[in-house]
Amino acid sequence: MMNGNTLEFVTYCISGLALKLNIPQSEVYNKLKSSGILYDYLIPSYDVLHTFSAAYVMEDLEEFMKEKGVLLS
């Protein structure tokens, strides 16, 4: 379920990944969406993920994107 807090967290993650990976936010969003990470992992796992540090979450998402093949190693 996407409420205001979840939406804010997803937006924060997309923005943080865009900065970390040096790619546009729209590209990060498209990669997360097309790989299933957005709706199958990030949103459902909000309750747990938002308790971790930003650095941990960005690293976790970057590694998951590599595993899913939407980001080169």
N, C-alpha and C. Protein backbone atom coordinates (compact mmCIF):
# COMPACT_ATOMS: atom_id res chain seq x y z
N MET A 1 0.85 -1.18 0.00
CA MET A 1 0.00 0.00 0.00
C MET A 1 0.89 1.24 0.00
N MET A 2 0.57 2.17 -0.89
CA MET A 2 1.38 3.37 -1.01
C MET A 2 0.68 4.52 -0.31
N ASN A 3 1.20 4.90 0.86
CA ASN A 3 0.67 6.08 1.54
C ASN A 3 1.68 7.22 1.38
N GLY A 4 1.43 8.33 2.05
CA GLY A 4 2.31 9.48 1.92
C GLY A 4 3.73 9.21 2.35
N ASN A 5 3.90 8.48 3.45
CA ASN A 5 5.25 8.16 3.92
C ASN A 5 5.99 7.26 2.94
N THR A 6 5.29 6.29 2.39
CA THR A 6 5.91 5.38 1.43
C THR A 6 6.30 6.14 0.16
N LEU A 7 5.41 6.99 -0.31
CA LEU A 7 5.69 7.78 -1.51
C LEU A 7 6.91 8.68 -1.28
N GLU A 8 6.98 9.29 -0.12
CA GLU A 8 8.12 10.15 0.21
C GLU A 8 9.41 9.34 0.24
N PHE A 9 9.36 8.14 0.79
CA PHE A 9 10.53 7.27 0.86
C PHE A 9 10.97 6.84 -0.54
N VAL A 10 10.02 6.45 -1.37
CA VAL A 10 10.34 6.02 -2.74
C VAL A 10 10.98 7.18 -3.50
N THR A 11 10.42 8.36 -3.35
CA THR A 11 10.97 9.55 -4.01
C THR A 11 12.39 9.82 -3.53
N TYR A 12 12.60 9.69 -2.23
CA TYR A 12 13.92 9.87 -1.64
C TYR A 12 14.91 8.86 -2.20
N CYS A 13 14.50 7.61 -2.32
CA CYS A 13 15.37 6.56 -2.85
C CYS A 13 15.73 6.82 -4.31
N ILE A 14 14.75 7.21 -5.09
CA ILE A 14 15.01 7.49 -6.51
C ILE A 14 15.99 8.65 -6.64
N SER A 15 15.78 9.69 -5.86
CA SER A 15 16.67 10.85 -5.89
C SER A 15 18.08 10.47 -5.44
N GLY A 16 18.18 9.72 -4.36
CA GLY A 16 19.48 9.29 -3.85
C GLY A 16 20.23 8.40 -4.82
N LEU A 17 19.51 7.48 -5.44
CA LEU A 17 20.14 6.60 -6.43
C LEU A 17 20.60 7.37 -7.65
N ALA A 18 19.80 8.34 -8.08
CA ALA A 18 20.18 9.16 -9.24
C ALA A 18 21.49 9.89 -8.97
N LEU A 19 21.63 10.43 -7.77
CA LEU A 19 22.88 11.11 -7.40
C LEU A 19 24.04 10.12 -7.31
N LYS A 20 23.79 8.99 -6.67
CA LYS A 20 24.85 7.98 -6.48
C LYS A 20 25.32 7.40 -7.81
N LEU A 21 24.38 7.15 -8.71
CA LEU A 21 24.71 6.51 -9.98
C LEU A 21 24.98 7.51 -11.10
N ASN A 22 24.73 8.79 -10.81
CA ASN A 22 24.92 9.85 -11.79
C ASN A 22 24.10 9.63 -13.06
N ILE A 23 22.83 9.28 -12.86
CA ILE A 23 21.90 9.13 -13.98
C ILE A 23 20.61 9.88 -13.61
N PRO A 24 19.81 10.25 -14.60
CA PRO A 24 18.57 11.00 -14.32
C PRO A 24 17.59 10.21 -13.44
N GLN A 25 16.83 10.94 -12.64
CA GLN A 25 15.84 10.31 -11.77
C GLN A 25 14.83 9.50 -12.58
N SER A 26 14.45 10.00 -13.74
CA SER A 26 13.48 9.27 -14.57
C SER A 26 14.03 7.91 -14.99
N GLU A 27 15.33 7.86 -15.24
CA GLU A 27 15.96 6.59 -15.63
C GLU A 27 15.98 5.62 -14.45
N VAL A 28 16.28 6.13 -13.25
CA VAL A 28 16.26 5.29 -12.05
C VAL A 28 14.85 4.73 -11.85
N TYR A 29 13.85 5.60 -11.94
CA TYR A 29 12.46 5.17 -11.78
C TYR A 29 12.12 4.07 -12.78
N ASN A 30 12.46 4.28 -14.04
CA ASN A 30 12.15 3.29 -15.08
C ASN A 30 12.85 1.96 -14.83
N LYS A 31 14.09 2.01 -14.35
CA LYS A 31 14.83 0.78 -14.06
C LYS A 31 14.21 0.04 -12.87
N LEU A 32 13.85 0.78 -11.83
CA LEU A 32 13.22 0.15 -10.67
C LEU A 32 11.87 -0.45 -11.05
N LYS A 33 11.11 0.27 -11.86
CA LYS A 33 9.79 -0.20 -12.25
C LYS A 33 9.88 -1.42 -13.18
N SER A 34 10.72 -1.33 -14.20
CA SER A 34 10.80 -2.42 -15.19
C SER A 34 11.36 -3.70 -14.60
N SER A 35 12.21 -3.58 -13.58
CA SER A 35 12.82 -4.77 -12.97
C SER A 35 11.94 -5.41 -11.90
N GLY A 36 10.88 -4.71 -11.52
CA GLY A 36 10.01 -5.22 -10.47
C GLY A 36 10.44 -4.80 -9.07
N ILE A 37 11.60 -4.15 -8.97
CA ILE A 37 12.11 -3.76 -7.66
C ILE A 37 11.17 -2.77 -6.98
N LEU A 38 10.61 -1.86 -7.73
CA LEU A 38 9.76 -0.83 -7.15
C LEU A 38 8.53 -1.41 -6.47
N TYR A 39 7.75 -2.20 -7.20
CA TYR A 39 6.47 -2.70 -6.67
C TYR A 39 6.58 -4.03 -5.93
N ASP A 40 7.64 -4.79 -6.21
CA ASP A 40 7.77 -6.09 -5.55
C ASP A 40 8.72 -6.08 -4.35
N TYR A 41 9.52 -5.00 -4.21
CA TYR A 41 10.49 -4.95 -3.11
C TYR A 41 10.44 -3.63 -2.34
N LEU A 42 10.68 -2.54 -3.04
CA LEU A 42 10.83 -1.26 -2.35
C LEU A 42 9.56 -0.83 -1.61
N ILE A 43 8.43 -0.84 -2.28
CA ILE A 43 7.18 -0.42 -1.64
C ILE A 43 6.74 -1.40 -0.55
N PRO A 44 6.70 -2.71 -0.84
CA PRO A 44 6.27 -3.64 0.23
C PRO A 44 7.22 -3.68 1.42
N SER A 45 8.50 -3.36 1.22
CA SER A 45 9.49 -3.44 2.28
C SER A 45 9.72 -2.11 2.99
N TYR A 46 8.90 -1.12 2.70
CA TYR A 46 9.08 0.21 3.29
C TYR A 46 9.23 0.16 4.81
N ASP A 47 8.36 -0.60 5.48
CA ASP A 47 8.36 -0.62 6.95
C ASP A 47 9.72 -1.00 7.52
N VAL A 48 10.43 -1.88 6.83
CA VAL A 48 11.75 -2.30 7.29
C VAL A 48 12.84 -1.38 6.72
N LEU A 49 12.79 -1.13 5.43
CA LEU A 49 13.86 -0.38 4.77
C LEU A 49 14.04 1.03 5.32
N HIS A 50 12.96 1.70 5.66
CA HIS A 50 13.10 3.09 6.09
C HIS A 50 13.79 3.22 7.45
N THR A 51 14.01 2.10 8.13
CA THR A 51 14.71 2.16 9.42
C THR A 51 16.23 2.08 9.25
N PHE A 52 16.70 1.74 8.06
CA PHE A 52 18.14 1.63 7.80
C PHE A 52 18.71 2.97 7.35
N SER A 53 20.02 3.07 7.37
CA SER A 53 20.68 4.30 6.93
C SER A 53 20.50 4.49 5.42
N ALA A 54 20.59 5.73 5.01
CA ALA A 54 20.47 6.04 3.58
C ALA A 54 21.53 5.30 2.78
N ALA A 55 22.76 5.30 3.30
CA ALA A 55 23.85 4.63 2.59
C ALA A 55 23.56 3.15 2.39
N TYR A 56 23.03 2.50 3.43
CA TYR A 56 22.70 1.08 3.33
C TYR A 56 21.61 0.85 2.28
N VAL A 57 20.57 1.64 2.33
CA VAL A 57 19.45 1.46 1.39
C VAL A 57 19.91 1.67 -0.05
N MET A 58 20.70 2.71 -0.29
CA MET A 58 21.18 2.98 -1.65
C MET A 58 22.06 1.83 -2.15
N GLU A 59 22.93 1.34 -1.28
CA GLU A 59 23.81 0.22 -1.66
C GLU A 59 22.98 -1.04 -1.94
N ASP A 60 22.01 -1.30 -1.10
CA ASP A 60 21.13 -2.45 -1.27
C ASP A 60 20.39 -2.37 -2.60
N LEU A 61 19.83 -1.22 -2.90
CA LEU A 61 19.08 -1.06 -4.15
C LEU A 61 20.00 -1.15 -5.36
N GLU A 62 21.20 -0.58 -5.26
CA GLU A 62 22.16 -0.66 -6.36
C GLU A 62 22.53 -2.12 -6.65
N GLU A 63 22.81 -2.88 -5.61
CA GLU A 63 23.16 -4.28 -5.78
C GLU A 63 21.99 -5.08 -6.37
N PHE A 64 20.79 -4.80 -5.90
CA PHE A 64 19.61 -5.49 -6.41
C PHE A 64 19.40 -5.16 -7.89
N MET A 65 19.63 -3.91 -8.27
CA MET A 65 19.50 -3.52 -9.67
C MET A 65 20.51 -4.28 -10.52
N LYS A 66 21.72 -4.48 -10.01
CA LYS A 66 22.72 -5.26 -10.73
C LYS A 66 22.29 -6.70 -10.88
N GLU A 67 21.76 -7.28 -9.79
CA GLU A 67 21.27 -8.66 -9.84
C GLU A 67 20.15 -8.83 -10.86
N LYS A 68 19.28 -7.84 -10.95
CA LYS A 68 18.15 -7.89 -11.88
C LYS A 68 18.56 -7.56 -13.31
N GLY A 69 19.80 -7.13 -13.51
CA GLY A 69 20.30 -6.85 -14.85
C GLY A 69 19.92 -5.50 -15.42
N VAL A 70 19.46 -4.58 -14.57
CA VAL A 70 19.09 -3.26 -15.08
C VAL A 70 20.19 -2.22 -14.81
N LEU A 71 21.29 -2.71 -14.23
CA LEU A 71 22.43 -1.85 -13.95
C LEU A 71 23.68 -2.66 -14.16
N LEU A 72 24.62 -2.13 -14.91
CA LEU A 72 25.86 -2.84 -15.17
C LEU A 72 26.73 -2.87 -13.92
N SER A 73 27.46 -3.94 -13.77
CA SER A 73 28.34 -4.09 -12.60
C SER A 73 29.53 -3.17 -12.66
